Amino acid sequence: MVEGLTFAYLVLFPFGQIIRVGIFHPTDIVAGLFLLLFLFSKFETPKIYLNLKRFFFVCLFSLIFSLSLFPLEKVIFDSLYLLRLAAHASFFMVLWNFCRNNKAFKKKIFNGLLVSLIFVGVFGWIQYFFYPDVRGLYEWGWDDHLFRMVGTFLDPGFTGIILVFGFLMAQAMYFQTKSKKYLLLILFFTLSVAFTYSRAAYLALIAGVITFAYFYKKFLSALIFIFAFLFLIFVLPRPEGEGVKLERISSVESRLENYSESLSLMKTSPIFGLGFNNICVAKEQFLGKVDNSSHSCSGVDSSLLFVIATVGVVGFLVFADLITGFIRNSSHNIYGLLFISSLAALFVDSLFIKSLFYPWVMGYLAVVSATTQT
């Protein structure tokens, strides 16, 4: 059953947002089944389990505390995100049980995840060549983009970080096996990331490469790649549209405004926060602005600001302990190095977009961390 559910998740993964039904993603449903499996079956738990429990209960407390600020009917919808968080944590713990004593299963899901990320890139190129103008999606609540790879996630930023993960997986497998097919995948993911025109993804890719090089002692290779990647960015085509201009400042101004709003919200309840994922209702009540039609309504353009604003300083400290716990308990092999370099890339990316709690990012981390946690 676990293998079947994992296979289903990996098959659904690359289809991203385009198979979304209302507020539900099919991948969330599969992750939810892992939650039920974890709750009603007996599983061993990894060392990180206590850290996960602490963070979950802090999030739960912040939601309950937020009832002193917002009416129940405003909070109950956003509280579903906590269920998503629990589902992906359960996904990780169930997979960890099956990976730790089954090398064949570990290799199978690792390769399956890499294939899924390849299809993310393939679908991205199909979109780029056959549907480069996605401005029509604006009326459905998505950002308007032109001549950028937005892929099945309908956003170049989120597509970018997923493709960065694909690059890091291909890089890890190349250094482990020396197989030239992984060099082709490295090239494929590099070009794919470049055509998202996402500056956050560019910085994330460089951060992941530097982290990998630091632990693997491949500094020259990293330096050569970074210079080649910067040259590639410089020669990228600049067709019609503001989004392909890397010197664009409109998005910077918008992000600074978002940071300012986030800081204002943080001041409202700095200790325990506004309740996990209660950003929409908080914007409406304290800032007098909200756009429920937009998919970025609950967005904070920094995952770290999102954590502090929603679960407060207390929650942030518990969250920091959770992340350092994952790093401490990572195995000292290629899987562990991939996980740490992925975290480094994600940390940089999450300074600019709320990628840390993006469902597919959590799914990727669940699979990779299951292969590396002790």
Protein backbone atom coordinates (compact mmCIF):
# COMPACT_ATOMS: atom_id res chain seq x y z
CA MET A 1 0.00 0.00 0.00
CA VAL A 2 2.78 2.46 0.91
CA GLU A 3 4.57 1.80 -2.37
CA GLY A 4 1.35 2.29 -4.32
CA LEU A 5 0.54 5.58 -2.58
CA THR A 6 4.10 6.81 -3.07
CA PHE A 7 3.94 5.94 -6.77
CA ALA A 8 0.60 7.79 -7.04
CA TYR A 9 2.09 10.87 -5.39
CA LEU A 10 5.10 10.90 -7.71
CA VAL A 11 2.88 10.48 -10.80
CA LEU A 12 0.64 13.38 -9.74
CA PHE A 13 3.54 15.62 -8.65
CA PRO A 14 4.59 17.09 -12.03
CA PHE A 15 1.01 18.07 -12.97
CA GLY A 16 1.12 20.74 -10.26
CA GLN A 17 -1.73 23.23 -10.20
CA ILE A 18 -3.36 22.25 -13.50
CA ILE A 19 -5.20 19.29 -11.93
CA ARG A 20 -6.34 21.29 -8.94
CA VAL A 21 -10.03 20.86 -8.06
CA GLY A 22 -11.30 23.86 -6.10
CA ILE A 23 -9.07 24.21 -3.05
CA PHE A 24 -7.90 20.59 -3.25
CA HIS A 25 -4.79 19.24 -4.92
CA PRO A 26 -4.71 15.51 -5.68
CA THR A 27 -1.24 15.34 -4.11
CA ASP A 28 -2.76 16.68 -0.88
CA ILE A 29 -5.29 13.88 -0.92
CA VAL A 30 -2.53 11.28 -1.26
CA ALA A 31 -0.57 12.97 1.54
CA GLY A 32 -3.78 12.89 3.61
CA LEU A 33 -3.97 9.14 3.15
CA PHE A 34 -0.45 8.91 4.56
CA LEU A 35 -1.70 10.90 7.57
CA LEU A 36 -4.48 8.35 8.16
CA LEU A 37 -2.01 5.52 7.66
CA PHE A 38 0.35 7.02 10.23
CA LEU A 39 -2.41 7.66 12.78
CA PHE A 40 -4.00 4.23 12.57
CA SER A 41 -0.91 2.04 12.12
CA LYS A 42 2.12 1.37 14.25
CA PHE A 43 5.28 2.98 12.97
CA GLU A 44 8.67 3.73 14.43
CA THR A 45 9.49 7.42 14.62
CA PRO A 46 12.79 9.14 13.71
CA LYS A 47 14.72 11.35 16.10
CA ILE A 48 13.24 14.45 14.48
CA TYR A 49 9.70 13.38 15.44
CA LEU A 50 9.69 15.32 18.72
CA ASN A 51 10.78 18.49 16.91
CA LEU A 52 7.96 18.02 14.42
CA LYS A 53 5.44 17.55 17.22
CA ARG A 54 6.60 20.71 18.99
CA PHE A 55 6.23 22.80 15.86
CA PHE A 56 2.82 21.32 15.07
CA PHE A 57 1.52 22.07 18.58
CA VAL A 58 2.92 25.61 18.44
CA CYS A 59 1.03 26.12 15.16
CA LEU A 60 -2.11 24.65 16.71
CA PHE A 61 -1.78 26.90 19.77
CA SER A 62 -1.32 29.97 17.57
CA LEU A 63 -4.53 29.09 15.72
CA ILE A 64 -6.46 28.73 18.97
CA PHE A 65 -4.92 31.94 20.28
CA SER A 66 -5.97 33.74 17.07
CA LEU A 67 -9.62 33.23 18.03
CA SER A 68 -9.08 36.13 20.42
CA LEU A 69 -8.33 38.28 17.35
CA PHE A 70 -10.60 36.87 14.63
CA PRO A 71 -14.06 35.22 14.53
CA LEU A 72 -14.13 31.43 14.15
CA GLU A 73 -15.70 31.51 10.69
CA LYS A 74 -12.75 33.57 9.43
CA VAL A 75 -10.13 31.22 10.90
CA ILE A 76 -11.56 27.79 10.15
CA PHE A 77 -10.77 27.83 6.41
CA ASP A 78 -7.14 28.93 6.82
CA SER A 79 -6.69 26.31 9.55
CA LEU A 80 -6.91 23.61 6.88
CA TYR A 81 -3.33 24.46 5.95
CA LEU A 82 -2.21 23.01 9.26
CA LEU A 83 -3.82 19.73 8.19
CA ARG A 84 -1.75 19.88 5.01
CA LEU A 85 1.38 20.37 7.12
CA ALA A 86 0.52 17.34 9.27
CA ALA A 87 -0.18 15.26 6.16
CA HIS A 88 3.22 15.95 4.62
CA ALA A 89 4.96 15.31 7.95
CA SER A 90 3.20 11.93 8.06
CA PHE A 91 4.25 11.30 4.46
CA PHE A 92 7.86 11.77 5.56
CA MET A 93 7.57 9.52 8.62
CA VAL A 94 5.88 6.64 6.80
CA LEU A 95 8.45 6.78 4.00
CA TRP A 96 11.25 6.92 6.58
CA ASN A 97 10.03 3.66 8.07
CA PHE A 98 10.17 1.94 4.70
CA CYS A 99 13.47 3.50 3.60
CA ARG A 100 15.62 2.81 6.64
CA ASN A 101 15.67 -0.97 6.23
CA ASN A 102 14.95 -1.25 2.53
CA LYS A 103 17.66 0.08 0.23
CA ALA A 104 15.76 -1.05 -2.87
CA PHE A 105 12.69 1.01 -1.85
CA LYS A 106 14.90 4.00 -1.04
CA LYS A 107 16.53 3.86 -4.47
CA LYS A 108 13.16 3.38 -6.17
CA ILE A 109 11.48 6.43 -4.64
CA PHE A 110 14.62 8.52 -5.12
CA ASN A 111 14.71 7.70 -8.84
CA GLY A 112 10.95 8.14 -9.05
CA LEU A 113 11.22 11.64 -7.61
CA LEU A 114 13.95 12.52 -10.11
CA VAL A 115 11.73 11.33 -12.98
CA SER A 116 8.88 13.47 -11.63
CA LEU A 117 11.14 16.53 -11.61
CA ILE A 118 12.23 15.79 -15.18
CA PHE A 119 8.57 15.88 -16.22
CA VAL A 120 8.17 19.21 -14.41
CA GLY A 121 10.85 20.52 -16.78
CA VAL A 122 9.33 18.82 -19.84
CA PHE A 123 5.89 20.29 -19.12
CA GLY A 124 7.56 23.64 -18.54
CA TRP A 125 9.13 23.61 -21.99
CA ILE A 126 5.84 22.56 -23.58
CA GLN A 127 4.18 25.56 -21.92
CA TYR A 128 7.03 27.89 -22.90
CA PHE A 129 6.90 26.98 -26.59
CA PHE A 130 3.15 26.46 -27.07
CA TYR A 131 1.60 28.79 -24.48
CA PRO A 132 4.17 31.48 -23.67
CA ASP A 133 1.52 34.11 -22.94
CA VAL A 134 -0.30 33.19 -19.72
CA ARG A 135 -1.62 36.67 -19.01
CA GLY A 136 -5.13 35.34 -19.54
CA LEU A 137 -4.83 33.46 -16.24
CA TYR A 138 -4.87 36.77 -14.37
CA GLU A 139 -8.66 36.74 -14.19
CA TRP A 140 -8.41 33.38 -12.41
CA GLY A 141 -6.23 34.82 -9.67
CA TRP A 142 -2.79 34.01 -11.10
CA ASP A 143 -0.03 36.48 -11.91
CA ASP A 144 0.27 37.54 -15.55
CA HIS A 145 3.46 36.31 -17.21
CA LEU A 146 4.77 36.50 -20.75
CA PHE A 147 7.62 34.48 -22.31
CA ARG A 148 8.59 32.88 -19.01
CA MET A 149 8.55 29.23 -18.04
CA VAL A 150 5.69 29.01 -15.54
CA GLY A 151 5.05 25.29 -16.07
CA THR A 152 2.25 23.37 -14.42
CA PHE A 153 2.67 25.35 -11.21
CA LEU A 154 1.56 28.47 -13.13
CA ASP A 155 4.25 30.55 -11.46
CA PRO A 156 7.90 30.95 -12.51
CA GLY A 157 9.08 31.35 -8.91
CA PHE A 158 7.63 28.08 -7.64
CA THR A 159 8.48 26.25 -10.87
CA GLY A 160 12.01 27.61 -10.52
CA ILE A 161 12.70 26.17 -7.07
CA ILE A 162 11.31 22.76 -8.10
CA LEU A 163 13.66 22.77 -11.10
CA VAL A 164 16.55 23.77 -8.83
CA PHE A 165 15.79 20.65 -6.78
CA GLY A 166 15.95 18.63 -10.00
CA PHE A 167 19.37 20.10 -10.77
CA LEU A 168 20.66 19.24 -7.29
CA MET A 169 19.40 15.67 -7.57
CA ALA A 170 21.05 15.23 -10.98
CA GLN A 171 24.26 16.77 -9.64
CA ALA A 172 24.28 14.43 -6.64
CA MET A 173 23.75 11.38 -8.85
CA TYR A 174 26.49 12.46 -11.25
CA PHE A 175 29.09 12.78 -8.49
CA GLN A 176 28.01 9.41 -7.10
CA THR A 177 27.90 7.45 -10.36
CA LYS A 178 29.95 9.56 -12.84
CA SER A 179 27.35 8.60 -15.45
CA LYS A 180 27.22 11.07 -18.36
CA LYS A 181 23.43 10.86 -18.54
CA TYR A 182 23.31 12.93 -15.38
CA LEU A 183 25.44 15.60 -17.07
CA LEU A 184 22.69 15.88 -19.68
CA LEU A 185 20.14 16.24 -16.90
CA ILE A 186 22.26 18.92 -15.25
CA LEU A 187 22.26 20.84 -18.55
CA PHE A 188 18.49 20.28 -18.95
CA PHE A 189 17.67 21.61 -15.49
CA THR A 190 20.12 24.51 -15.82
CA LEU A 191 18.46 25.72 -19.02
CA SER A 192 15.02 25.17 -17.52
CA VAL A 193 15.82 27.25 -14.43
CA ALA A 194 17.28 29.99 -16.65
CA PHE A 195 14.10 30.32 -18.71
CA THR A 196 11.92 30.90 -15.67
CA TYR A 197 13.62 34.33 -15.44
CA SER A 198 13.17 33.97 -11.69
CA ARG A 199 15.96 35.81 -9.88
CA ALA A 200 15.06 33.99 -6.65
CA ALA A 201 15.56 30.64 -8.42
CA TYR A 202 18.91 31.84 -9.82
CA LEU A 203 20.18 32.71 -6.35
CA ALA A 204 18.77 29.45 -4.96
CA LEU A 205 20.61 27.44 -7.61
CA ILE A 206 23.90 29.18 -6.86
CA ALA A 207 23.39 28.67 -3.10
CA GLY A 208 22.71 24.96 -3.61
CA VAL A 209 25.79 24.54 -5.81
CA ILE A 210 28.04 26.36 -3.32
CA THR A 211 26.71 24.28 -0.41
CA PHE A 212 27.25 21.04 -2.30
CA ALA A 213 30.76 22.13 -3.31
CA TYR A 214 31.62 23.02 0.29
CA PHE A 215 30.82 19.56 1.61
CA TYR A 216 32.01 17.64 -1.45
CA LYS A 217 35.19 19.72 -1.88
CA LYS A 218 34.43 20.56 -5.52
CA PHE A 219 35.15 24.27 -5.41
CA LEU A 220 36.66 24.57 -8.91
CA SER A 221 33.72 22.75 -10.51
CA ALA A 222 31.30 25.02 -8.64
CA LEU A 223 33.17 28.16 -9.71
CA ILE A 224 33.20 27.10 -13.36
CA PHE A 225 29.49 26.31 -13.26
CA ILE A 226 28.57 29.62 -11.60
CA PHE A 227 30.48 31.65 -14.20
CA ALA A 228 28.90 29.60 -17.01
CA PHE A 229 25.44 30.10 -15.50
CA LEU A 230 25.95 33.85 -15.15
CA PHE A 231 27.02 33.99 -18.80
CA LEU A 232 23.91 32.01 -19.78
CA ILE A 233 21.72 34.51 -17.91
CA PHE A 234 23.47 37.38 -19.70
CA VAL A 235 22.75 35.93 -23.19
CA LEU A 236 19.16 34.85 -22.50
CA PRO A 237 16.66 36.15 -25.08
CA ARG A 238 14.73 39.24 -24.00
CA PRO A 239 11.45 39.10 -25.93
CA GLU A 240 8.40 41.23 -25.22
CA GLY A 241 7.34 41.66 -21.60
CA GLU A 242 8.58 43.17 -18.34
CA GLY A 243 9.06 39.76 -16.69
CA VAL A 244 12.06 38.77 -18.83
CA LYS A 245 13.98 41.90 -17.85
CA LEU A 246 16.24 40.86 -15.01
CA GLU A 247 16.78 44.51 -14.13
CA ARG A 248 13.02 44.98 -13.56
CA ILE A 249 12.22 46.90 -10.39
CA SER A 250 8.41 46.66 -10.33
CA SER A 251 8.54 43.28 -8.61
CA VAL A 252 11.16 44.61 -6.16
CA GLU A 253 8.88 47.49 -5.22
CA SER A 254 5.95 45.12 -4.82
CA ARG A 255 8.03 42.80 -2.64
CA LEU A 256 9.22 45.67 -0.44
CA GLU A 257 5.61 46.73 0.04
CA ASN A 258 4.74 43.16 0.99
CA TYR A 259 7.61 43.06 3.50
CA SER A 260 6.36 46.30 5.02
CA GLU A 261 2.84 44.89 5.38
CA SER A 262 4.24 41.71 6.94
CA LEU A 263 6.23 43.69 9.49
CA SER A 264 3.10 45.65 10.37
CA LEU A 265 1.19 42.41 10.92
CA MET A 266 4.02 41.01 13.05
CA LYS A 267 3.69 43.94 15.46
CA THR A 268 0.05 43.03 16.11
CA SER A 269 0.90 39.79 17.93
CA PRO A 270 4.69 39.33 18.08
CA ILE A 271 4.88 36.58 20.73
CA PHE A 272 2.34 33.98 19.55
CA GLY A 273 1.57 35.31 16.08
CA LEU A 274 -1.69 35.74 14.21
CA GLY A 275 -2.38 32.05 13.74
CA PHE A 276 -0.82 29.72 11.20
CA ASN A 277 -1.82 30.83 7.67
CA ASN A 278 -4.19 33.56 8.92
CA ILE A 279 -2.59 36.17 6.67
CA CYS A 280 -5.69 36.83 4.53
CA VAL A 281 -7.98 37.58 7.46
CA ALA A 282 -5.24 39.59 9.17
CA LYS A 283 -4.74 41.77 6.08
CA GLU A 284 -8.46 42.39 5.93
CA GLN A 285 -8.84 43.26 9.60
CA PHE A 286 -5.65 45.17 10.34
CA LEU A 287 -4.63 46.59 6.95
CA GLY A 288 -8.07 47.02 5.40
CA LYS A 289 -7.04 45.26 2.21
CA VAL A 290 -7.68 41.81 0.82
CA ASP A 291 -8.18 40.15 -2.54
CA ASN A 292 -9.75 36.76 -2.01
CA SER A 293 -9.76 36.13 -5.75
CA SER A 294 -5.97 36.10 -5.85
CA HIS A 295 -3.94 32.97 -5.14
CA SER A 296 -1.42 35.22 -3.38
CA CYS A 297 -3.98 36.50 -0.88
CA SER A 298 -2.35 34.62 2.00
CA GLY A 299 1.11 35.19 0.60
CA VAL A 300 4.04 36.74 2.41
CA ASP A 301 7.02 37.22 0.11
CA SER A 302 9.37 35.76 2.71
CA SER A 303 8.83 32.42 4.38
CA LEU A 304 10.71 33.60 7.46
CA LEU A 305 8.44 36.63 7.83
CA PHE A 306 5.48 34.31 7.27
CA VAL A 307 6.59 32.10 10.17
CA ILE A 308 7.13 35.02 12.55
CA ALA A 309 3.88 36.74 11.55
CA THR A 310 1.75 33.61 11.92
CA VAL A 311 3.29 31.76 14.88
CA GLY A 312 5.26 34.57 16.51
CA VAL A 313 8.74 34.65 17.97
CA VAL A 314 8.01 31.52 20.03
CA GLY A 315 7.00 29.59 16.92
CA PHE A 316 9.99 30.88 14.98
CA LEU A 317 12.41 29.59 17.61
CA VAL A 318 10.71 26.18 17.59
CA PHE A 319 10.80 26.17 13.78
CA ALA A 320 14.51 27.04 13.78
CA ASP A 321 15.13 24.13 16.15
CA LEU A 322 13.19 21.86 13.78
CA ILE A 323 15.33 22.82 10.78
CA THR A 324 18.62 22.47 12.66
CA GLY A 325 17.37 19.11 13.96
CA PHE A 326 16.84 17.88 10.41
CA ILE A 327 20.37 18.96 9.52
CA ARG A 328 21.93 17.36 12.64
CA ASN A 329 20.20 14.04 12.00
CA SER A 330 21.00 13.81 8.30
CA SER A 331 23.15 10.86 7.32
CA HIS A 332 26.69 11.54 6.09
CA ASN A 333 26.22 10.29 2.53
CA ILE A 334 25.11 11.59 -0.84
CA TYR A 335 21.46 11.66 0.28
CA GLY A 336 22.29 13.76 3.30
CA LEU A 337 24.39 16.14 1.21
CA LEU A 338 21.55 16.50 -1.29
CA PHE A 339 19.11 17.27 1.54
CA ILE A 340 21.37 19.93 3.08
CA SER A 341 22.13 21.59 -0.28
CA SER A 342 18.39 21.56 -1.05
CA LEU A 343 17.71 23.28 2.28
CA ALA A 344 20.35 25.92 1.49
CA ALA A 345 18.77 26.59 -1.91
CA LEU A 346 15.31 26.70 -0.36
CA PHE A 347 16.41 29.05 2.41
CA VAL A 348 17.69 31.59 -0.13
CA ASP A 349 14.60 31.18 -2.33
CA SER A 350 12.26 31.52 0.65
CA LEU A 351 13.63 34.98 1.40
CA PHE A 352 11.75 36.17 -1.68
CA ILE A 353 8.73 33.86 -2.07
CA LYS A 354 6.71 31.72 0.35
CA SER A 355 8.23 28.53 -1.00
CA LEU A 356 9.05 26.92 2.35
CA PHE A 357 5.46 25.78 2.88
CA TYR A 358 4.56 25.24 -0.77
CA PRO A 359 2.90 21.78 -0.97
CA TRP A 360 5.20 20.37 -3.64
CA VAL A 361 8.28 21.69 -1.85
CA MET A 362 7.11 19.94 1.31
CA GLY A 363 6.53 16.79 -0.75
CA TYR A 364 10.03 16.93 -2.21
CA LEU A 365 11.56 17.44 1.23
CA ALA A 366 9.46 14.59 2.66
CA VAL A 367 10.85 12.13 0.10
CA VAL A 368 14.48 13.31 0.26
CA SER A 369 14.57 13.59 4.06
CA ALA A 370 13.06 10.11 4.39
CA THR A 371 16.17 8.74 2.67
CA THR A 372 18.60 10.59 4.93
CA GLN A 373 17.25 10.97 8.49
CA THR A 374 18.70 8.77 11.23
